[in-house]
């Protein structure tokens, strides 16, 4: 059995035959023309703990789904103001172990908060909104106001 050691380097490997112009073209192409390496996390880069959301619309309602695994409904607040929905959550569970013998080396569990605001393009009726929480997914349905719903106009012949 042989042990294989893999050396990883973060410096780009550039063939010696490339000119400075070719290297700059590659750099620009990777950074601006085809930024696939950032596509997966682009909207939330640097914002760990912010829930992923899906927003859909049909003729009658807007539906917002937020992935909130491990959260409880009582720790999440939903507000609607000025055409925007804000999802906000905060959990801060303190340990009952407060004696002098306990020392924390790492504490990452159950102290978290987030806030996410979604602007809606049309008026809604917030009084008729419904929020359901199932299997770590919050589903919020907000009916559109009557004035923005599409209306069918029948044509009469003369």
N, C-alpha and C. Protein backbone atom coordinates (compact mmCIF):
# COMPACT_ATOMS: atom_id res chain seq x y z
N UNK A 1 0.85 -1.17 0.00
CA UNK A 1 0.00 0.00 0.00
C UNK A 1 0.90 1.24 0.00
N UNK A 2 0.65 2.11 -0.94
CA UNK A 2 1.45 3.33 -1.02
C UNK A 2 0.61 4.52 -0.59
N UNK A 3 1.28 5.44 0.04
CA UNK A 3 0.62 6.66 0.47
C UNK A 3 0.84 7.70 -0.61
N UNK A 4 -0.23 8.36 -0.98
CA UNK A 4 -0.15 9.37 -2.03
C UNK A 4 -0.34 10.74 -1.39
N UNK A 5 0.61 11.58 -1.58
CA UNK A 5 0.54 12.93 -1.04
C UNK A 5 0.22 13.88 -2.19
N UNK A 6 -0.82 14.67 -1.99
CA UNK A 6 -1.23 15.62 -3.01
C UNK A 6 -0.94 17.01 -2.50
N UNK A 7 -0.21 17.76 -3.28
CA UNK A 7 0.11 19.14 -2.91
C UNK A 7 -0.83 20.06 -3.66
N UNK A 8 -1.53 20.90 -2.92
CA UNK A 8 -2.44 21.85 -3.55
C UNK A 8 -1.84 23.24 -3.43
N UNK A 9 -1.94 23.96 -4.50
CA UNK A 9 -1.43 25.32 -4.50
C UNK A 9 -2.54 26.25 -4.97
N UNK A 10 -2.57 27.43 -4.43
CA UNK A 10 -3.59 28.39 -4.81
C UNK A 10 -3.10 29.35 -5.89
N UNK A 11 -1.85 29.30 -6.20
CA UNK A 11 -1.33 30.16 -7.26
C UNK A 11 -1.67 29.53 -8.60
N UNK A 12 -2.12 30.32 -9.55
CA UNK A 12 -2.47 29.76 -10.85
C UNK A 12 -1.24 29.21 -11.56
N UNK A 13 -1.40 28.07 -12.18
CA UNK A 13 -0.32 27.49 -12.96
C UNK A 13 -0.41 28.08 -14.36
N UNK A 14 0.63 28.78 -14.74
CA UNK A 14 0.65 29.47 -16.03
C UNK A 14 1.80 28.93 -16.84
N UNK A 15 1.53 28.43 -18.03
CA UNK A 15 2.62 27.98 -18.88
C UNK A 15 3.56 29.14 -19.20
N UNK A 16 4.84 28.82 -19.29
CA UNK A 16 5.83 29.86 -19.53
C UNK A 16 5.68 30.49 -20.90
N UNK A 17 5.01 29.81 -21.81
CA UNK A 17 4.91 30.32 -23.18
C UNK A 17 3.85 31.42 -23.33
N UNK A 18 3.04 31.68 -22.30
CA UNK A 18 2.01 32.71 -22.39
C UNK A 18 2.62 34.10 -22.22
N UNK A 19 2.18 34.99 -23.03
CA UNK A 19 2.64 36.37 -22.90
C UNK A 19 1.86 37.06 -21.80
N UNK A 20 2.31 38.23 -21.40
CA UNK A 20 1.60 39.01 -20.40
C UNK A 20 0.20 39.34 -20.88
N UNK A 21 0.05 39.65 -22.14
CA UNK A 21 -1.26 39.94 -22.71
C UNK A 21 -2.20 38.74 -22.58
N UNK A 22 -1.69 37.55 -22.90
CA UNK A 22 -2.52 36.34 -22.79
C UNK A 22 -2.92 36.07 -21.34
N UNK A 23 -2.00 36.29 -20.42
CA UNK A 23 -2.32 36.09 -19.01
C UNK A 23 -3.39 37.08 -18.55
N UNK A 24 -3.29 38.34 -18.97
CA UNK A 24 -4.29 39.34 -18.61
C UNK A 24 -5.65 39.00 -19.23
N UNK A 25 -5.64 38.52 -20.46
CA UNK A 25 -6.90 38.11 -21.10
C UNK A 25 -7.56 36.97 -20.33
N UNK A 26 -6.76 36.01 -19.89
CA UNK A 26 -7.32 34.90 -19.10
C UNK A 26 -7.90 35.41 -17.78
N UNK A 27 -7.18 36.30 -17.14
CA UNK A 27 -7.64 36.87 -15.88
C UNK A 27 -8.98 37.57 -16.06
N UNK A 28 -9.08 38.41 -17.08
CA UNK A 28 -10.33 39.14 -17.33
C UNK A 28 -11.46 38.19 -17.70
N UNK A 29 -11.15 37.19 -18.50
CA UNK A 29 -12.19 36.23 -18.90
C UNK A 29 -12.71 35.47 -17.69
N UNK A 30 -11.82 35.04 -16.82
CA UNK A 30 -12.25 34.29 -15.63
C UNK A 30 -13.01 35.17 -14.66
N UNK A 31 -12.65 36.43 -14.57
CA UNK A 31 -13.27 37.31 -13.58
C UNK A 31 -14.58 37.92 -14.06
N UNK A 32 -14.67 38.27 -15.33
CA UNK A 32 -15.84 39.02 -15.78
C UNK A 32 -16.69 38.32 -16.84
N UNK A 33 -16.07 37.63 -17.74
CA UNK A 33 -16.83 37.04 -18.84
C UNK A 33 -17.51 35.75 -18.43
N UNK A 34 -16.82 34.91 -17.68
CA UNK A 34 -17.42 33.63 -17.26
C UNK A 34 -17.19 33.41 -15.77
N UNK A 35 -17.90 34.13 -14.92
CA UNK A 35 -17.69 33.99 -13.48
C UNK A 35 -18.47 32.83 -12.87
N UNK A 36 -18.41 31.64 -13.50
CA UNK A 36 -19.17 30.50 -12.99
C UNK A 36 -18.74 30.10 -11.59
N UNK A 37 -17.47 30.35 -11.25
CA UNK A 37 -17.02 29.92 -9.93
C UNK A 37 -17.74 30.64 -8.82
N UNK A 38 -18.36 31.80 -9.10
CA UNK A 38 -19.10 32.54 -8.08
C UNK A 38 -20.60 32.38 -8.22
N UNK A 39 -21.06 31.72 -9.23
CA UNK A 39 -22.49 31.68 -9.53
C UNK A 39 -23.30 31.01 -8.44
N UNK A 40 -22.77 29.99 -7.79
CA UNK A 40 -23.55 29.25 -6.80
C UNK A 40 -23.89 30.05 -5.57
N UNK A 41 -22.99 30.93 -5.13
CA UNK A 41 -23.25 31.63 -3.88
C UNK A 41 -23.29 33.14 -4.05
N UNK A 42 -23.43 33.63 -5.26
CA UNK A 42 -23.32 35.06 -5.50
C UNK A 42 -24.23 35.94 -4.66
N UNK A 43 -25.55 35.69 -4.56
CA UNK A 43 -26.37 36.64 -3.81
C UNK A 43 -26.09 36.66 -2.32
N UNK A 44 -25.59 35.57 -1.78
CA UNK A 44 -25.45 35.48 -0.33
C UNK A 44 -23.99 35.40 0.11
N UNK A 45 -23.05 35.66 -0.80
CA UNK A 45 -21.65 35.54 -0.45
C UNK A 45 -21.32 36.43 0.74
N UNK A 46 -20.70 35.85 1.76
CA UNK A 46 -20.32 36.61 2.94
C UNK A 46 -21.46 36.78 3.94
N UNK A 47 -22.61 36.18 3.68
CA UNK A 47 -23.75 36.34 4.58
C UNK A 47 -24.18 34.97 5.07
N UNK A 48 -23.32 34.32 5.83
CA UNK A 48 -23.63 32.99 6.33
C UNK A 48 -24.83 33.04 7.25
N UNK A 49 -25.65 32.01 7.21
CA UNK A 49 -26.80 31.93 8.08
C UNK A 49 -28.04 32.59 7.52
N UNK A 50 -27.93 33.27 6.38
CA UNK A 50 -29.10 33.89 5.77
C UNK A 50 -29.85 32.81 5.01
N UNK A 51 -31.15 32.67 5.27
CA UNK A 51 -31.88 31.56 4.63
C UNK A 51 -32.03 31.76 3.13
N UNK A 52 -31.97 30.66 2.42
CA UNK A 52 -32.24 30.67 0.99
C UNK A 52 -33.75 30.81 0.81
N UNK A 53 -34.16 31.55 -0.21
CA UNK A 53 -35.59 31.75 -0.44
C UNK A 53 -35.95 31.51 -1.90
N UNK A 54 -37.22 31.19 -2.11
CA UNK A 54 -37.83 31.13 -3.44
C UNK A 54 -39.04 32.03 -3.40
N UNK A 55 -39.23 32.86 -4.42
CA UNK A 55 -40.40 33.72 -4.52
C UNK A 55 -41.08 33.42 -5.84
N UNK A 56 -42.36 33.05 -5.77
CA UNK A 56 -43.13 32.78 -6.98
C UNK A 56 -44.39 33.64 -6.98
N UNK A 57 -44.97 33.76 -8.16
CA UNK A 57 -46.18 34.57 -8.34
C UNK A 57 -47.10 33.86 -9.31
N UNK A 58 -48.40 33.93 -9.03
CA UNK A 58 -49.40 33.54 -10.02
C UNK A 58 -50.43 34.65 -10.07
N UNK A 59 -51.56 34.40 -10.68
CA UNK A 59 -52.56 35.46 -10.84
C UNK A 59 -53.13 35.98 -9.53
N UNK A 60 -53.12 35.14 -8.49
CA UNK A 60 -53.79 35.51 -7.24
C UNK A 60 -52.85 35.79 -6.07
N UNK A 61 -51.71 35.11 -5.99
CA UNK A 61 -50.87 35.21 -4.79
C UNK A 61 -49.39 35.27 -5.12
N UNK A 62 -48.63 35.79 -4.14
CA UNK A 62 -47.19 35.64 -4.11
C UNK A 62 -46.90 34.56 -3.07
N UNK A 63 -45.95 33.70 -3.36
CA UNK A 63 -45.56 32.66 -2.42
C UNK A 63 -44.06 32.80 -2.15
N UNK A 64 -43.72 32.89 -0.89
CA UNK A 64 -42.33 32.98 -0.47
C UNK A 64 -42.02 31.75 0.36
N UNK A 65 -40.99 31.01 -0.03
CA UNK A 65 -40.54 29.85 0.73
C UNK A 65 -39.14 30.15 1.23
N UNK A 66 -38.91 29.91 2.51
CA UNK A 66 -37.60 30.13 3.11
C UNK A 66 -37.13 28.86 3.79
N UNK A 67 -35.91 28.45 3.50
CA UNK A 67 -35.33 27.27 4.12
C UNK A 67 -34.80 27.65 5.50
N UNK A 68 -35.42 27.12 6.54
CA UNK A 68 -35.04 27.43 7.92
C UNK A 68 -34.86 26.15 8.73
N UNK A 69 -33.93 25.28 8.33
CA UNK A 69 -33.76 24.04 9.08
C UNK A 69 -33.27 24.31 10.50
N UNK A 70 -33.88 23.64 11.47
CA UNK A 70 -33.49 23.80 12.86
C UNK A 70 -34.15 24.96 13.58
N UNK A 71 -34.88 25.79 12.87
CA UNK A 71 -35.55 26.93 13.49
C UNK A 71 -36.94 26.52 13.95
N UNK A 72 -37.43 27.19 14.98
CA UNK A 72 -38.79 26.97 15.47
C UNK A 72 -39.64 28.16 15.04
N UNK A 73 -40.92 27.94 14.76
CA UNK A 73 -41.78 29.05 14.32
C UNK A 73 -41.82 30.21 15.30
N UNK A 74 -41.72 29.95 16.59
CA UNK A 74 -41.79 31.04 17.57
C UNK A 74 -40.54 31.92 17.57
N UNK A 75 -39.48 31.50 16.89
CA UNK A 75 -38.25 32.29 16.82
C UNK A 75 -38.15 33.10 15.53
N UNK A 76 -39.19 33.04 14.70
CA UNK A 76 -39.18 33.74 13.41
C UNK A 76 -40.31 34.76 13.39
N UNK A 77 -40.00 36.00 13.00
CA UNK A 77 -40.99 37.05 12.86
C UNK A 77 -41.13 37.42 11.39
N UNK A 78 -42.37 37.68 10.98
CA UNK A 78 -42.66 38.11 9.62
C UNK A 78 -43.37 39.45 9.71
N UNK A 79 -42.85 40.45 9.02
CA UNK A 79 -43.52 41.76 8.99
C UNK A 79 -43.67 42.20 7.54
N UNK A 80 -44.72 42.97 7.31
CA UNK A 80 -44.97 43.52 5.99
C UNK A 80 -45.13 45.02 6.14
N UNK A 81 -44.32 45.77 5.40
CA UNK A 81 -44.38 47.22 5.47
C UNK A 81 -43.84 47.81 4.18
N UNK A 82 -44.57 48.75 3.63
CA UNK A 82 -44.10 49.47 2.45
C UNK A 82 -43.83 48.61 1.24
N UNK A 83 -44.62 47.57 1.03
CA UNK A 83 -44.45 46.71 -0.13
C UNK A 83 -43.33 45.69 0.00
N UNK A 84 -42.83 45.49 1.22
CA UNK A 84 -41.74 44.53 1.42
C UNK A 84 -42.04 43.63 2.61
N UNK A 85 -41.66 42.38 2.47
CA UNK A 85 -41.81 41.38 3.53
C UNK A 85 -40.44 41.19 4.17
N UNK A 86 -40.40 41.24 5.50
CA UNK A 86 -39.15 41.01 6.21
C UNK A 86 -39.27 39.77 7.06
N UNK A 87 -38.36 38.83 6.86
CA UNK A 87 -38.25 37.63 7.68
C UNK A 87 -37.09 37.87 8.64
N UNK A 88 -37.35 37.67 9.92
CA UNK A 88 -36.32 37.94 10.92
C UNK A 88 -36.36 36.83 11.96
N UNK A 89 -35.21 36.32 12.32
CA UNK A 89 -35.14 35.27 13.32
C UNK A 89 -33.98 35.48 14.25
N UNK A 90 -34.18 35.06 15.50
CA UNK A 90 -33.12 35.18 16.48
C UNK A 90 -33.27 34.09 17.53
N UNK A 91 -32.18 33.41 17.82
CA UNK A 91 -32.14 32.39 18.85
C UNK A 91 -30.90 32.64 19.68
N UNK A 92 -31.07 32.64 20.98
CA UNK A 92 -29.93 32.79 21.89
C UNK A 92 -30.21 31.95 23.11
N UNK A 93 -29.87 30.68 23.03
CA UNK A 93 -30.09 29.78 24.14
C UNK A 93 -28.83 29.74 25.00
N UNK A 94 -28.97 30.14 26.22
CA UNK A 94 -27.85 30.11 27.15
C UNK A 94 -27.80 28.75 27.83
N UNK A 95 -26.62 28.30 28.11
CA UNK A 95 -26.44 27.02 28.77
C UNK A 95 -26.72 27.15 30.26
N UNK A 96 -27.25 26.09 30.84
CA UNK A 96 -27.50 26.08 32.28
C UNK A 96 -26.22 25.82 33.07
N UNK A 97 -25.15 25.43 32.37
CA UNK A 97 -23.89 25.13 33.03
C UNK A 97 -23.11 26.43 33.22
N UNK A 98 -23.23 27.02 34.40
CA UNK A 98 -22.55 28.28 34.65
C UNK A 98 -21.56 28.18 35.80
N UNK A 99 -21.07 26.97 36.04
CA UNK A 99 -20.12 26.84 37.13
C UNK A 99 -18.71 27.17 36.63
N UNK A 100 -17.78 27.25 37.54
CA UNK A 100 -16.42 27.65 37.22
C UNK A 100 -15.64 26.55 36.51
N UNK A 101 -16.12 25.33 36.57
CA UNK A 101 -15.41 24.21 35.98
C UNK A 101 -15.60 24.11 34.46
N UNK A 102 -16.64 24.74 33.93
CA UNK A 102 -16.95 24.62 32.51
C UNK A 102 -16.23 25.70 31.72
N UNK A 103 -15.48 25.27 30.73
CA UNK A 103 -14.80 26.20 29.83
C UNK A 103 -15.22 25.86 28.40
N UNK A 104 -15.59 26.84 27.66
CA UNK A 104 -15.97 26.64 26.27
C UNK A 104 -14.73 26.71 25.39
N UNK A 105 -14.59 25.75 24.50
CA UNK A 105 -13.51 25.78 23.51
C UNK A 105 -14.06 26.18 22.15
N UNK A 106 -15.29 25.82 21.92
CA UNK A 106 -15.96 26.17 20.68
C UNK A 106 -17.45 26.22 20.97
N UNK A 107 -18.11 27.29 20.55
CA UNK A 107 -19.55 27.40 20.81
C UNK A 107 -20.22 27.99 19.57
N UNK A 108 -20.79 27.10 18.77
CA UNK A 108 -21.41 27.52 17.52
C UNK A 108 -22.89 27.16 17.44
N UNK A 109 -23.36 26.37 18.35
CA UNK A 109 -24.72 25.86 18.24
C UNK A 109 -25.71 26.79 18.91
N UNK A 110 -26.80 27.06 18.22
CA UNK A 110 -27.99 27.75 18.71
C UNK A 110 -27.81 29.19 19.15
N UNK A 111 -26.88 29.90 18.58
CA UNK A 111 -26.86 31.34 18.74
C UNK A 111 -26.79 31.90 17.33
N UNK A 112 -27.90 32.33 16.86
CA UNK A 112 -27.94 32.77 15.47
C UNK A 112 -29.01 33.82 15.29
N UNK A 113 -28.84 34.60 14.24
CA UNK A 113 -29.88 35.55 13.86
C UNK A 113 -29.77 35.79 12.36
N UNK A 114 -30.87 36.21 11.77
CA UNK A 114 -30.87 36.56 10.36
C UNK A 114 -31.96 37.59 10.13
N UNK A 115 -31.85 38.27 9.02
CA UNK A 115 -32.90 39.19 8.56
C UNK A 115 -32.83 39.21 7.04
N UNK A 116 -33.97 39.03 6.42
CA UNK A 116 -34.05 39.00 4.96
C UNK A 116 -35.28 39.77 4.54
N UNK A 117 -35.14 40.75 3.65
CA UNK A 117 -36.25 41.56 3.18
C UNK A 117 -36.45 41.30 1.69
N UNK A 118 -37.72 41.06 1.32
CA UNK A 118 -38.09 40.78 -0.07
C UNK A 118 -39.09 41.83 -0.51
N UNK A 119 -38.77 42.58 -1.55
CA UNK A 119 -39.70 43.57 -2.09
C UNK A 119 -40.62 42.89 -3.08
N UNK A 120 -41.91 43.19 -2.97
CA UNK A 120 -42.89 42.63 -3.89
C UNK A 120 -43.29 43.68 -4.91
N UNK A 121 -43.44 43.30 -6.18
CA UNK A 121 -43.70 44.28 -7.23
C UNK A 121 -45.12 44.82 -7.29
N UNK A 122 -46.05 44.24 -6.58
CA UNK A 122 -47.44 44.70 -6.63
C UNK A 122 -48.03 44.69 -5.23
N UNK A 123 -49.17 45.34 -5.08
CA UNK A 123 -49.82 45.41 -3.78
C UNK A 123 -50.40 44.07 -3.39
N UNK A 124 -50.35 43.79 -2.10
CA UNK A 124 -50.91 42.56 -1.55
C UNK A 124 -51.88 42.90 -0.44
N UNK A 125 -52.62 41.88 0.00
CA UNK A 125 -53.54 42.03 1.12
C UNK A 125 -52.91 41.30 2.31
N UNK A 126 -52.14 42.01 3.14
CA UNK A 126 -51.44 41.32 4.23
C UNK A 126 -52.36 40.72 5.28
N UNK A 127 -53.59 41.23 5.40
CA UNK A 127 -54.53 40.67 6.38
C UNK A 127 -54.93 39.24 6.04
N UNK A 128 -54.83 38.86 4.78
CA UNK A 128 -55.21 37.51 4.35
C UNK A 128 -54.00 36.61 4.14
N UNK A 129 -52.83 37.05 4.56
CA UNK A 129 -51.62 36.24 4.39
C UNK A 129 -51.64 35.03 5.30
N UNK A 130 -51.02 33.95 4.85
CA UNK A 130 -50.93 32.72 5.63
C UNK A 130 -49.47 32.28 5.68
N UNK A 131 -49.04 31.85 6.85
CA UNK A 131 -47.68 31.34 7.02
C UNK A 131 -47.75 29.95 7.63
N UNK A 132 -47.05 29.01 6.99
CA UNK A 132 -47.00 27.64 7.47
C UNK A 132 -45.55 27.22 7.60
N UNK A 133 -45.26 26.40 8.58
CA UNK A 133 -43.91 25.93 8.84
C UNK A 133 -43.94 24.41 8.85
N UNK A 134 -43.23 23.79 7.90
CA UNK A 134 -43.24 22.33 7.83
C UNK A 134 -41.87 21.84 7.38
N UNK A 135 -41.31 20.91 8.14
CA UNK A 135 -40.01 20.29 7.82
C UNK A 135 -38.91 21.31 7.55
N UNK A 136 -38.87 22.36 8.34
CA UNK A 136 -37.82 23.36 8.20
C UNK A 136 -38.01 24.34 7.06
N UNK A 137 -39.18 24.34 6.43
CA UNK A 137 -39.47 25.28 5.34
C UNK A 137 -40.65 26.15 5.73
N UNK A 138 -40.43 27.46 5.72
CA UNK A 138 -41.49 28.42 5.97
C UNK A 138 -42.12 28.77 4.62
N UNK A 139 -43.44 28.62 4.52
CA UNK A 139 -44.16 28.98 3.30
C UNK A 139 -45.12 30.10 3.64
N UNK A 140 -44.92 31.24 3.01
CA UNK A 140 -45.75 32.42 3.22
C UNK A 140 -46.50 32.72 1.93
N UNK A 141 -47.83 32.73 2.00
CA UNK A 141 -48.64 33.09 0.83
C UNK A 141 -49.33 34.41 1.12
N UNK A 142 -49.18 35.33 0.18
CA UNK A 142 -49.75 36.67 0.33
C UNK A 142 -50.63 36.95 -0.89
N UNK A 143 -51.97 37.03 -0.69
CA UNK A 143 -52.86 37.29 -1.82
C UNK A 143 -52.65 38.69 -2.38
N UNK A 144 -52.74 38.78 -3.69
CA UNK A 144 -52.64 40.08 -4.34
C UNK A 144 -53.90 40.88 -4.04
N UNK A 145 -53.76 42.20 -4.01
CA UNK A 145 -54.92 43.07 -3.84
C UNK A 145 -55.79 42.99 -5.08
N UNK A 146 -57.07 43.19 -4.91
CA UNK A 146 -58.02 43.07 -6.03
C UNK A 146 -57.68 44.02 -7.19
N UNK A 147 -57.12 45.18 -6.88
CA UNK A 147 -56.86 46.14 -7.95
C UNK A 147 -55.73 45.71 -8.88
N UNK A 148 -54.87 44.78 -8.45
CA UNK A 148 -53.77 44.35 -9.31
C UNK A 148 -54.01 43.00 -9.98
N UNK A 149 -55.09 42.33 -9.63
CA UNK A 149 -55.38 41.05 -10.27
C UNK A 149 -55.84 41.27 -11.70
N UNK A 150 -55.44 40.41 -12.62
CA UNK A 150 -55.88 40.55 -13.99
C UNK A 150 -57.39 40.32 -14.11
N UNK A 151 -58.02 41.11 -14.92
CA UNK A 151 -59.47 41.00 -15.13
C UNK A 151 -59.73 40.64 -16.59
N UNK A 152 -60.66 39.75 -16.78
CA UNK A 152 -61.05 39.35 -18.13
C UNK A 152 -62.17 40.27 -18.59
N UNK A 153 -62.01 40.87 -19.75
CA UNK A 153 -63.05 41.75 -20.31
C UNK A 153 -63.65 41.06 -21.52
N UNK A 154 -64.96 40.85 -21.46
CA UNK A 154 -65.63 40.15 -22.56
C UNK A 154 -66.00 41.14 -23.65
N UNK A 155 -65.89 40.70 -24.86
CA UNK A 155 -66.20 41.52 -26.01
C UNK A 155 -67.63 41.21 -26.47
N UNK A 156 -68.40 42.24 -26.67
CA UNK A 156 -69.76 42.05 -27.20
C UNK A 156 -69.80 42.58 -28.61
N UNK A 157 -70.50 41.86 -29.46
CA UNK A 157 -70.62 42.28 -30.86
C UNK A 157 -71.85 43.16 -31.03
N UNK A 158 -71.76 44.16 -31.91
CA UNK A 158 -72.89 45.04 -32.20
C UNK A 158 -73.45 44.75 -33.56
